[in-house]
Protein backbone atom coordinates (compact mmCIF):
# COMPACT_ATOMS: atom_id res chain seq x y z
CA MET A 1 39.89 18.42 6.42
CA SER A 2 39.24 18.53 10.74
CA ASN A 3 36.06 19.83 10.07
CA LEU A 4 35.24 17.07 7.24
CA ASN A 5 36.38 14.51 9.62
CA LYS A 6 34.60 15.49 12.26
CA TYR A 7 31.56 14.14 10.27
CA LEU A 8 32.80 11.96 8.23
CA LYS A 9 34.38 9.20 10.50
CA GLY A 10 36.58 6.27 9.18
CA ASP A 11 38.82 6.47 6.26
CA ILE A 12 38.79 9.68 4.47
CA VAL A 13 40.41 8.25 1.12
CA ILE A 14 37.51 5.85 1.04
CA TRP A 15 34.95 8.37 1.28
CA ILE A 16 36.51 10.30 -1.44
CA ILE A 17 36.77 7.80 -3.61
CA PHE A 18 32.95 7.08 -2.78
CA ILE A 19 32.13 10.74 -3.57
CA VAL A 20 34.07 11.14 -6.72
CA LEU A 21 32.26 7.93 -8.03
CA CYS A 22 29.10 9.23 -7.56
CA LEU A 23 29.74 12.55 -8.93
CA ILE A 24 31.18 10.66 -12.20
CA SER A 25 27.81 8.67 -12.19
CA ILE A 26 25.55 11.60 -12.38
CA LEU A 27 27.87 12.90 -15.01
CA GLU A 28 27.63 9.88 -16.99
CA VAL A 29 24.30 8.50 -16.68
CA TYR A 30 23.02 12.13 -17.57
CA SER A 31 25.20 11.59 -20.79
CA THR A 32 24.25 8.24 -22.21
CA SER A 33 20.46 8.42 -20.89
CA SER A 34 19.36 9.72 -24.12
CA SER A 35 18.55 6.40 -25.94
CA LEU A 36 16.71 4.95 -22.72
CA ALA A 37 14.62 8.11 -22.47
CA TYR A 38 13.92 7.43 -26.24
CA ARG A 39 12.50 3.88 -25.84
CA THR A 40 10.85 4.25 -22.57
CA ASP A 41 9.25 7.52 -23.78
CA THR A 42 10.58 10.05 -20.94
CA THR A 43 13.53 12.33 -20.55
CA PRO A 44 16.78 12.30 -19.70
CA THR A 45 16.12 14.41 -16.60
CA ALA A 46 13.42 12.33 -15.47
CA ILE A 47 16.11 9.40 -15.27
CA ILE A 48 18.88 11.14 -13.82
CA LEU A 49 16.63 12.23 -11.11
CA GLY A 50 15.94 8.74 -10.36
CA GLN A 51 19.66 8.09 -10.64
CA ILE A 52 20.12 10.90 -7.99
CA ARG A 53 17.59 9.58 -5.86
CA PHE A 54 19.25 6.16 -5.72
CA LEU A 55 22.72 7.51 -5.29
CA VAL A 56 21.33 10.19 -2.35
CA GLY A 57 19.36 6.90 -0.52
CA GLY A 58 23.11 4.76 -0.79
CA ALA A 59 25.14 7.96 0.59
CA ALA A 60 22.65 7.93 3.23
CA ALA A 61 23.25 4.09 3.65
CA VAL A 62 26.98 4.61 3.78
CA TYR A 63 26.61 7.27 6.32
CA ILE A 64 24.14 5.41 8.74
CA LEU A 65 26.46 2.12 8.51
CA HIS A 66 29.72 3.64 8.97
CA LEU A 67 28.20 4.94 12.34
CA ILE A 68 27.02 1.44 13.49
CA PRO A 69 29.69 -0.58 14.85
CA TYR A 70 30.32 -3.52 12.48
CA LYS A 71 30.14 -6.43 15.28
CA TYR A 72 26.51 -5.43 15.47
CA VAL A 73 26.06 -5.87 11.32
CA ARG A 74 28.17 -9.39 11.15
CA ILE A 75 25.33 -10.78 13.58
CA LEU A 76 22.12 -9.14 11.83
CA ASN A 77 23.98 -10.35 8.30
CA TYR A 78 22.67 -13.94 9.43
CA VAL A 79 19.14 -12.78 9.27
CA LEU A 80 19.73 -11.14 5.93
CA LEU A 81 21.30 -13.99 4.40
CA GLY A 82 18.61 -15.94 4.90
CA GLY A 83 15.83 -13.18 3.82
CA ILE A 84 18.24 -13.11 0.14
CA PHE A 85 18.02 -16.92 0.06
CA VAL A 86 14.41 -17.11 0.00
CA ALA A 87 14.09 -14.15 -2.56
CA ILE A 88 16.55 -15.62 -4.70
CA LEU A 89 14.40 -19.12 -4.60
CA LEU A 90 11.04 -16.82 -5.12
CA ALA A 91 12.87 -14.99 -8.60
CA LEU A 92 13.77 -18.55 -9.78
CA THR A 93 10.50 -19.53 -9.66
CA ILE A 94 9.15 -16.68 -11.28
CA GLY A 95 11.78 -16.59 -14.04
CA GLU A 96 12.71 -13.19 -13.20
CA ARG A 97 16.09 -11.58 -11.99
CA ARG A 98 14.37 -9.21 -9.96
CA LEU A 99 11.83 -9.62 -7.36
CA PHE A 100 9.37 -6.36 -6.72
CA GLY A 101 12.05 -4.17 -8.52
CA ILE A 102 15.07 -5.65 -6.49
CA GLN A 103 17.80 -7.75 -7.61
CA PRO A 104 18.32 -10.17 -5.01
CA SER A 105 21.56 -11.03 -6.34
CA GLU A 106 23.24 -7.92 -5.99
CA PHE A 107 22.68 -7.93 -2.21
CA ALA A 108 23.87 -11.63 -2.13
CA LYS A 109 27.29 -10.72 -3.25
CA VAL A 110 27.98 -8.54 -0.07
CA SER A 111 26.05 -10.79 2.48
CA VAL A 112 27.71 -13.71 1.21
CA ILE A 113 30.91 -12.49 1.57
CA MET A 114 30.41 -11.11 4.74
CA PHE A 115 29.63 -14.66 6.20
CA VAL A 116 32.54 -15.96 4.68
CA ALA A 117 34.40 -13.68 6.48
CA ASP A 118 32.89 -14.39 9.78
CA MET A 119 33.64 -18.05 9.22
CA LEU A 120 37.12 -18.05 8.65
CA ALA A 121 37.40 -15.52 11.54
CA ARG A 122 35.91 -17.78 14.07
CA LYS A 123 37.75 -20.86 13.14
CA GLN A 124 40.69 -18.73 13.20
CA GLN A 125 40.04 -18.30 16.68
CA LYS A 126 38.78 -21.65 17.38
CA GLY A 127 40.02 -24.70 15.67
CA THR A 128 41.42 -24.48 12.73
CA PRO A 129 40.93 -22.65 9.04
CA ASP A 130 40.14 -26.10 7.43
CA ASP A 131 37.46 -26.46 9.94
CA ALA A 132 35.49 -23.41 8.39
CA PHE A 133 35.26 -25.04 4.62
CA LYS A 134 32.22 -27.38 5.35
CA THR A 135 30.40 -24.69 6.35
CA ILE A 136 31.73 -22.22 3.62
CA ALA A 137 31.04 -24.68 0.89
CA TRP A 138 27.48 -25.75 2.30
CA ILE A 139 26.40 -22.09 1.92
CA VAL A 140 28.37 -20.52 -0.65
CA LEU A 141 28.07 -23.50 -3.12
CA PRO A 142 24.60 -23.05 -3.27
CA PHE A 143 24.04 -19.45 -3.29
CA CYS A 144 26.43 -19.76 -6.84
CA ALA A 145 24.11 -22.83 -7.94
CA LEU A 146 21.16 -20.51 -7.21
CA ILE A 147 22.63 -17.26 -8.81
CA ALA A 148 23.92 -18.14 -11.58
CA PRO A 149 20.71 -19.09 -13.82
CA LEU A 150 19.86 -15.53 -13.01
CA LYS A 151 23.54 -13.71 -13.32
CA LEU A 152 26.03 -16.18 -14.08
CA SER A 153 28.98 -13.68 -13.39
CA SER A 154 27.85 -12.61 -10.10
CA ALA A 155 27.93 -16.18 -9.08
CA LEU A 156 31.55 -16.13 -10.48
CA LEU A 157 32.16 -13.25 -8.79
CA ILE A 158 31.38 -14.78 -5.18
CA ALA A 159 32.66 -17.66 -5.95
CA ALA A 160 36.07 -15.71 -6.73
CA VAL A 161 36.26 -13.30 -3.83
CA THR A 162 35.19 -16.69 -1.58
CA VAL A 163 38.64 -18.92 -2.92
CA PHE A 164 40.44 -15.37 -2.12
CA LEU A 165 39.22 -14.88 1.20
CA MET A 166 39.97 -19.04 1.57
CA LEU A 167 43.74 -18.41 0.23
CA ILE A 168 44.46 -15.24 2.81
CA GLY A 169 42.48 -17.31 5.62
CA ARG A 170 44.93 -20.06 4.96
CA VAL A 171 42.45 -22.61 4.33
CA SER A 172 44.34 -25.49 2.86
CA LEU A 173 44.78 -25.92 -1.01
CA LYS A 174 43.88 -29.22 -1.11
CA LYS A 175 40.28 -28.22 0.00
CA ILE A 176 40.24 -24.94 -2.23
CA ALA A 177 40.78 -27.31 -5.11
CA VAL A 178 37.93 -29.44 -4.04
CA PHE A 179 35.62 -25.98 -3.89
CA ALA A 180 36.92 -25.17 -7.38
CA GLY A 181 36.12 -28.85 -8.53
CA ILE A 182 32.67 -28.72 -7.24
CA LEU A 183 31.70 -25.46 -8.81
CA LEU A 184 33.37 -27.07 -12.07
CA LEU A 185 31.03 -30.15 -11.74
CA VAL A 186 28.08 -27.89 -11.85
CA GLY A 187 29.04 -25.27 -14.13
CA ILE A 188 30.08 -27.60 -17.16
CA PRO A 189 27.20 -29.46 -17.62
CA TYR A 190 25.01 -26.36 -17.11
CA ILE A 191 27.39 -24.73 -20.17
CA ILE A 192 26.31 -28.23 -22.03
CA ILE A 193 22.63 -27.96 -21.63
CA GLY A 194 22.95 -24.29 -22.99
CA PHE A 195 24.99 -25.47 -26.27
CA ASN A 196 22.44 -28.27 -27.00
CA PHE A 197 18.94 -26.31 -26.17
CA THR A 198 17.09 -23.20 -26.59
CA GLU A 199 15.92 -20.77 -24.03
CA GLU A 200 11.88 -21.72 -25.62
CA GLN A 201 12.82 -25.60 -25.00
CA LEU A 202 14.09 -25.07 -21.52
CA ARG A 203 11.30 -22.62 -20.74
CA SER A 204 8.61 -24.98 -22.20
CA ASN A 205 9.47 -27.39 -19.32
CA ALA A 206 8.90 -26.94 -15.76
CA ALA A 207 11.83 -28.58 -14.68
CA THR A 208 14.13 -26.62 -17.07
CA LYS A 209 12.02 -23.48 -16.62
CA VAL A 210 15.11 -22.07 -14.07
CA ILE A 211 17.83 -22.62 -16.21
CA SER A 212 16.03 -21.16 -19.26
CA ARG A 213 18.91 -18.61 -19.58
CA ALA A 214 21.87 -21.61 -19.81
CA PRO A 215 21.84 -21.17 -23.98
CA THR A 216 22.71 -17.14 -23.21
CA HIS A 217 25.14 -17.81 -20.79
CA ALA A 218 27.18 -20.82 -23.23
CA MET A 219 26.84 -18.14 -25.96
CA ARG A 220 29.21 -16.24 -24.19
CA VAL A 221 31.20 -18.93 -23.01
CA GLY A 222 31.63 -20.07 -26.36
CA ARG A 223 32.70 -16.17 -27.55
CA MET A 224 35.64 -16.19 -25.10
CA PHE A 225 36.99 -19.31 -27.77
CA VAL A 226 36.26 -18.13 -31.36
CA ASP A 227 39.17 -17.19 -33.58
CA LYS A 228 38.48 -13.47 -33.66
CA ASP A 229 40.21 -12.82 -36.53
CA LYS A 230 38.09 -15.03 -38.67
CA TYR A 231 35.33 -13.13 -37.55
CA TYR A 232 36.67 -9.56 -36.50
CA HIS A 233 37.86 -7.84 -39.66
CA PHE A 234 37.39 -7.48 -42.93
CA LYS A 235 40.53 -7.95 -45.31
CA ASP A 236 41.88 -5.38 -47.98
CA SER A 237 41.76 -6.79 -51.27
CA LYS A 238 44.83 -5.69 -52.56
CA THR A 239 47.03 -6.24 -49.50
CA LYS A 240 45.27 -9.19 -47.53
CA GLN A 241 45.54 -7.39 -44.51
CA PRO A 242 42.74 -6.92 -41.88
CA ASP A 243 40.92 -3.46 -41.43
CA SER A 244 40.33 -3.12 -37.77
CA ILE A 245 37.83 -0.84 -38.39
CA LYS A 246 35.25 -2.25 -40.39
CA LEU A 247 33.97 -4.93 -38.26
CA ILE A 248 32.13 -7.95 -40.10
CA TYR A 249 29.87 -8.79 -37.32
CA ARG A 250 28.38 -5.35 -36.87
CA MET A 251 26.19 -5.63 -39.71
CA LYS A 252 23.97 -8.41 -38.62
CA PRO A 253 23.58 -11.65 -36.38
CA HIS A 254 25.68 -14.59 -38.11
CA ASN A 255 27.08 -18.17 -36.99
CA GLU A 256 30.51 -18.84 -35.30
CA THR A 257 32.18 -21.99 -34.43
CA ALA A 258 34.13 -21.98 -31.13
CA ASN A 259 36.57 -24.09 -30.42
CA ILE A 260 36.45 -25.18 -26.59
CA PHE A 261 39.48 -27.13 -25.60
CA GLY A 262 39.19 -28.89 -28.62
CA ILE A 263 35.70 -29.16 -29.14
CA THR A 264 33.93 -27.86 -31.96
CA THR A 265 30.70 -26.13 -30.93
CA GLU A 266 28.37 -24.20 -33.64
CA MET A 267 26.82 -21.25 -32.47
CA LYS A 268 23.74 -19.47 -34.18
CA ASN A 269 22.42 -16.10 -34.26
CA VAL A 270 25.58 -14.08 -32.68
CA ASP A 271 24.90 -10.95 -32.45
CA ARG A 272 28.33 -8.72 -31.27
CA ARG A 273 26.82 -5.16 -32.89
CA GLN A 274 27.08 -3.82 -28.90
CA ALA A 275 30.67 -5.25 -28.24
CA THR A 276 31.42 -3.60 -31.81
CA ASP A 277 30.27 -0.15 -30.83
CA ALA A 278 31.74 -0.31 -27.78
CA LEU A 279 35.27 -0.91 -29.21
CA ILE A 280 34.35 1.92 -31.81
CA ALA A 281 33.93 4.20 -28.77
CA ILE A 282 37.16 3.45 -27.06
CA ALA A 283 38.93 3.81 -30.44
CA LYS A 284 37.37 7.32 -30.97
CA ALA A 285 38.80 8.61 -27.60
CA PRO A 286 40.65 11.77 -27.46
CA ALA A 287 44.34 10.73 -26.53
CA VAL A 288 44.25 12.68 -23.72
CA ILE A 289 40.98 14.47 -22.23
CA GLY A 290 37.99 15.38 -23.81
CA MET A 291 34.46 16.75 -23.19
CA PRO A 292 31.34 15.27 -21.64
CA GLY A 293 28.51 14.36 -23.44
CA THR A 294 30.25 14.42 -26.91
CA SER A 295 29.76 10.57 -27.20
CA GLU A 296 28.12 9.63 -30.82
CA GLN A 297 28.10 5.52 -30.13
CA LYS A 298 25.90 6.48 -27.00
CA HIS A 299 23.54 6.45 -29.40
CA TYR A 300 23.96 2.84 -30.89
CA LEU A 301 24.65 0.94 -27.68
CA ALA A 302 21.82 -0.07 -25.93
CA ASN A 303 23.13 -0.39 -22.90
CA ALA A 304 25.30 2.23 -22.44
CA TYR A 305 24.02 3.34 -19.39
CA ASP A 306 25.10 0.29 -17.33
CA ASP A 307 26.85 -2.28 -19.25
CA TYR A 308 29.14 -0.24 -21.59
CA ILE A 309 29.16 2.78 -19.73
CA PHE A 310 33.14 3.06 -18.97
CA ALA A 311 33.22 2.79 -22.85
CA ILE A 312 31.33 5.98 -23.36
CA ILE A 313 33.59 7.37 -20.28
CA VAL A 314 36.46 7.12 -22.51
CA GLU A 315 34.97 7.79 -25.71
CA GLU A 316 33.82 11.35 -24.21
CA ASN A 317 36.53 12.31 -21.67
CA GLY A 318 39.69 10.41 -22.98
CA VAL A 319 42.21 7.72 -22.49
CA PHE A 320 43.09 9.45 -19.29
CA ALA A 321 39.79 9.63 -17.68
CA GLY A 322 39.44 5.81 -18.50
CA ILE A 323 42.82 5.60 -16.39
CA VAL A 324 41.83 7.74 -13.63
CA VAL A 325 38.70 5.57 -13.14
CA MET A 326 40.20 2.49 -13.58
CA LEU A 327 43.00 3.73 -10.44
CA LEU A 328 40.03 4.62 -8.17
CA TYR A 329 38.81 1.12 -8.22
CA LEU A 330 42.39 -0.31 -7.80
CA PHE A 331 43.20 2.60 -4.87
CA LEU A 332 40.36 1.46 -2.84
CA LEU A 333 41.76 -2.00 -2.90
CA PHE A 334 45.12 -0.42 -1.84
CA ARG A 335 43.58 1.35 0.75
CA ALA A 336 41.60 -1.72 1.83
CA GLY A 337 45.15 -3.19 2.41
CA VAL A 338 46.21 -0.44 4.90
CA ILE A 339 43.11 -0.70 6.78
CA THR A 340 44.04 -4.78 7.23
CA ARG A 341 47.62 -3.46 8.62
CA ARG A 342 46.28 -1.20 11.51
CA SER A 343 43.87 -4.25 12.74
CA ASN A 344 44.79 -6.98 14.66
CA GLN A 345 41.56 -9.25 14.34
CA ALA A 346 40.43 -11.46 11.64
CA PHE A 347 37.10 -10.54 10.65
CA PRO A 348 37.46 -6.76 9.81
CA THR A 349 40.55 -7.88 7.82
CA LEU A 350 38.91 -10.16 6.11
CA LEU A 351 36.21 -8.57 5.38
CA VAL A 352 37.59 -5.17 4.42
CA VAL A 353 39.78 -6.74 1.94
CA GLY A 354 36.87 -9.04 0.77
CA LEU A 355 34.55 -6.24 -0.07
CA ALA A 356 36.96 -4.09 -1.67
CA LEU A 357 38.19 -7.10 -4.03
CA LEU A 358 34.52 -7.55 -4.55
CA ILE A 359 34.26 -3.97 -5.88
CA ALA A 360 37.61 -3.68 -7.93
CA LEU A 361 36.91 -7.17 -8.99
CA GLN A 362 33.25 -5.91 -10.81
CA ALA A 363 34.87 -3.23 -12.17
CA LEU A 364 37.64 -4.99 -13.84
CA VAL A 365 34.79 -7.12 -15.19
CA HIS A 366 33.40 -4.33 -16.79
CA ILE A 367 36.23 -2.95 -18.29
CA ALA A 368 37.24 -5.91 -19.72
CA VAL A 369 33.77 -6.45 -21.23
CA SER A 370 33.96 -3.25 -22.58
CA ALA A 371 37.17 -4.28 -24.34
CA ASP A 372 35.40 -7.11 -25.75
CA ALA A 373 37.19 -9.82 -23.86
CA PHE A 374 33.85 -11.27 -22.94
CA ILE A 375 30.45 -10.45 -22.35
CA THR A 376 29.00 -10.47 -19.20
CA GLY A 377 26.65 -7.99 -17.36
CA GLU A 378 27.90 -6.14 -14.54
CA THR A 379 27.82 -2.65 -14.09
CA LEU A 380 30.54 -0.21 -13.28
CA PRO A 381 30.20 0.11 -9.05
CA LEU A 382 28.41 3.09 -8.21
CA ILE A 383 28.85 4.47 -11.90
CA SER A 384 26.28 2.71 -13.94
CA LYS A 385 22.98 3.42 -13.70
CA GLY A 386 21.09 1.10 -11.35
CA GLY A 387 19.12 0.47 -7.98
CA SER A 388 19.86 -2.42 -6.29
CA ALA A 389 23.66 -2.61 -7.39
CA ILE A 390 24.25 0.67 -5.99
CA ILE A 391 22.31 0.46 -2.75
CA ALA A 392 24.34 -2.64 -2.49
CA THR A 393 27.83 -1.40 -3.23
CA CYS A 394 26.83 1.33 -0.84
CA GLY A 395 26.45 -1.14 2.03
CA ALA A 396 29.74 -2.17 0.88
CA PHE A 397 31.25 1.20 1.51
CA GLY A 398 29.24 1.86 4.70
CA LEU A 399 30.93 -1.65 6.37
CA MET A 400 34.71 -0.63 4.98
CA LEU A 401 34.08 2.83 6.74
CA SER A 402 32.55 1.54 9.90
CA ILE A 403 35.60 -1.17 10.18
CA SER A 404 38.13 1.79 9.49
CA ARG A 405 36.31 3.95 11.85
CA TYR A 406 36.44 1.51 14.34
CA LEU A 407 40.30 0.91 13.87
CA ASN A 408 40.63 4.90 14.02
CA ALA A 409 38.47 5.06 17.32
CA GLU A 410 41.30 2.12 19.09
CA GLU A 411 43.96 3.84 17.71
CA ASP A 412 43.08 7.33 19.39
CA LYS A 413 42.42 4.90 22.60
CA GLU A 414 45.73 3.83 22.74
CA ASP A 415 47.44 7.00 21.94
CA LYS A 416 45.18 8.78 25.21
CA GLU A 417 46.33 5.65 27.22
CA ILE A 418 50.17 6.28 26.04
CA LYS A 419 49.81 9.84 26.47
CA THR A 420 48.45 9.32 30.23
CA ASP A 421 51.12 7.02 31.31
CA THR A 422 53.50 9.10 30.08
CA GLU A 423 51.82 11.94 31.87
CA GLU A 424 52.08 10.01 34.93
CA GLU A 425 55.90 8.76 34.72
CA ALA A 426 56.93 12.39 34.31
CA LEU A 427 55.20 13.73 37.41
CA THR A 428 56.48 10.34 39.39
CA ILE A 429 59.96 11.44 38.22
CA ASN A 430 59.52 15.16 39.09
CA ASN A 431 58.00 14.41 43.00
């Protein structure tokens, strides 16, 4: 362990979590890549080599970042934030999530959380936490508004972590309520537009082209308010009991009615095939442990390698493996709490908690999607196939390790000072 600590500074437990997640990624992406290889006329080997390249590049970024004092990254983040803002605007202009193959929304999650932590920390030193609210709102809300048409779930993650940081940063509940109210004032009309217009209609108008994904997002929201018993199950003709295995909506797209707080909305051409296949995958899981590569549902799930990879992990490796994956993310959050208890400064405390919460919350959202709680497109951090998402998550790990490395160095310095003082006192007594 001492040899390992010689090269890997910072919290060794976070390093272990990072390495384990990367190893799981290599195993599961290779296992689930067959359908993608078929659709893209390539091979699983080529896909896994691409994934390994991103993981190796991300690991290099983690190693370099953890050696850089976080105070320098804190300053550079403002340049990064501006660059991401411009990239998101350009992506909106062309109507695509990616800009030159990069998803700016993934990097925005880390950069915006760092900005929020910085603003709250500065006002802890000079002024009051409420003084930071206006600056945070003027930056975070526009980012959320711009990211939402590209990837609504990323905007909601940023908003959720921001609210949590403001809570622990002692911003008043009144101001936090104002923040949430503004989000609702913008979000509700966006969803209403999505229910009343088609994507083709929105794309045909230059003014509404940027929100052309609103119908998709609206349907995903509506699906959370559907009477699932009505659409999910066949009923046995004799017992009249629902059959939980045969699911009506697996066969073809159909219409569903959602009751959203008393307002009835008809949703057309709802396609639940992926959600159904994910549920079937989980239902087929061995009770304890299984073998990698044995999944059958990966051949039916179009996004088995990213949006539904947790379902395949459970199907192949068993319920125990799924629990282990969940515990890895929760333990990361726990380690963030351990690190913060050693810090007497606001910025590293808020940043570590914010980044760990972002990763853990995204993982829980992904797991909930596999369980058909709702639909969104969040990947399982560091495990799902990806490029921008992996690099951004590696950046978050690098920052957490940089902070823990700094705290370790401070503790070593204090220990040396205490040891020196003790030796001096002993010499004085002896003389």
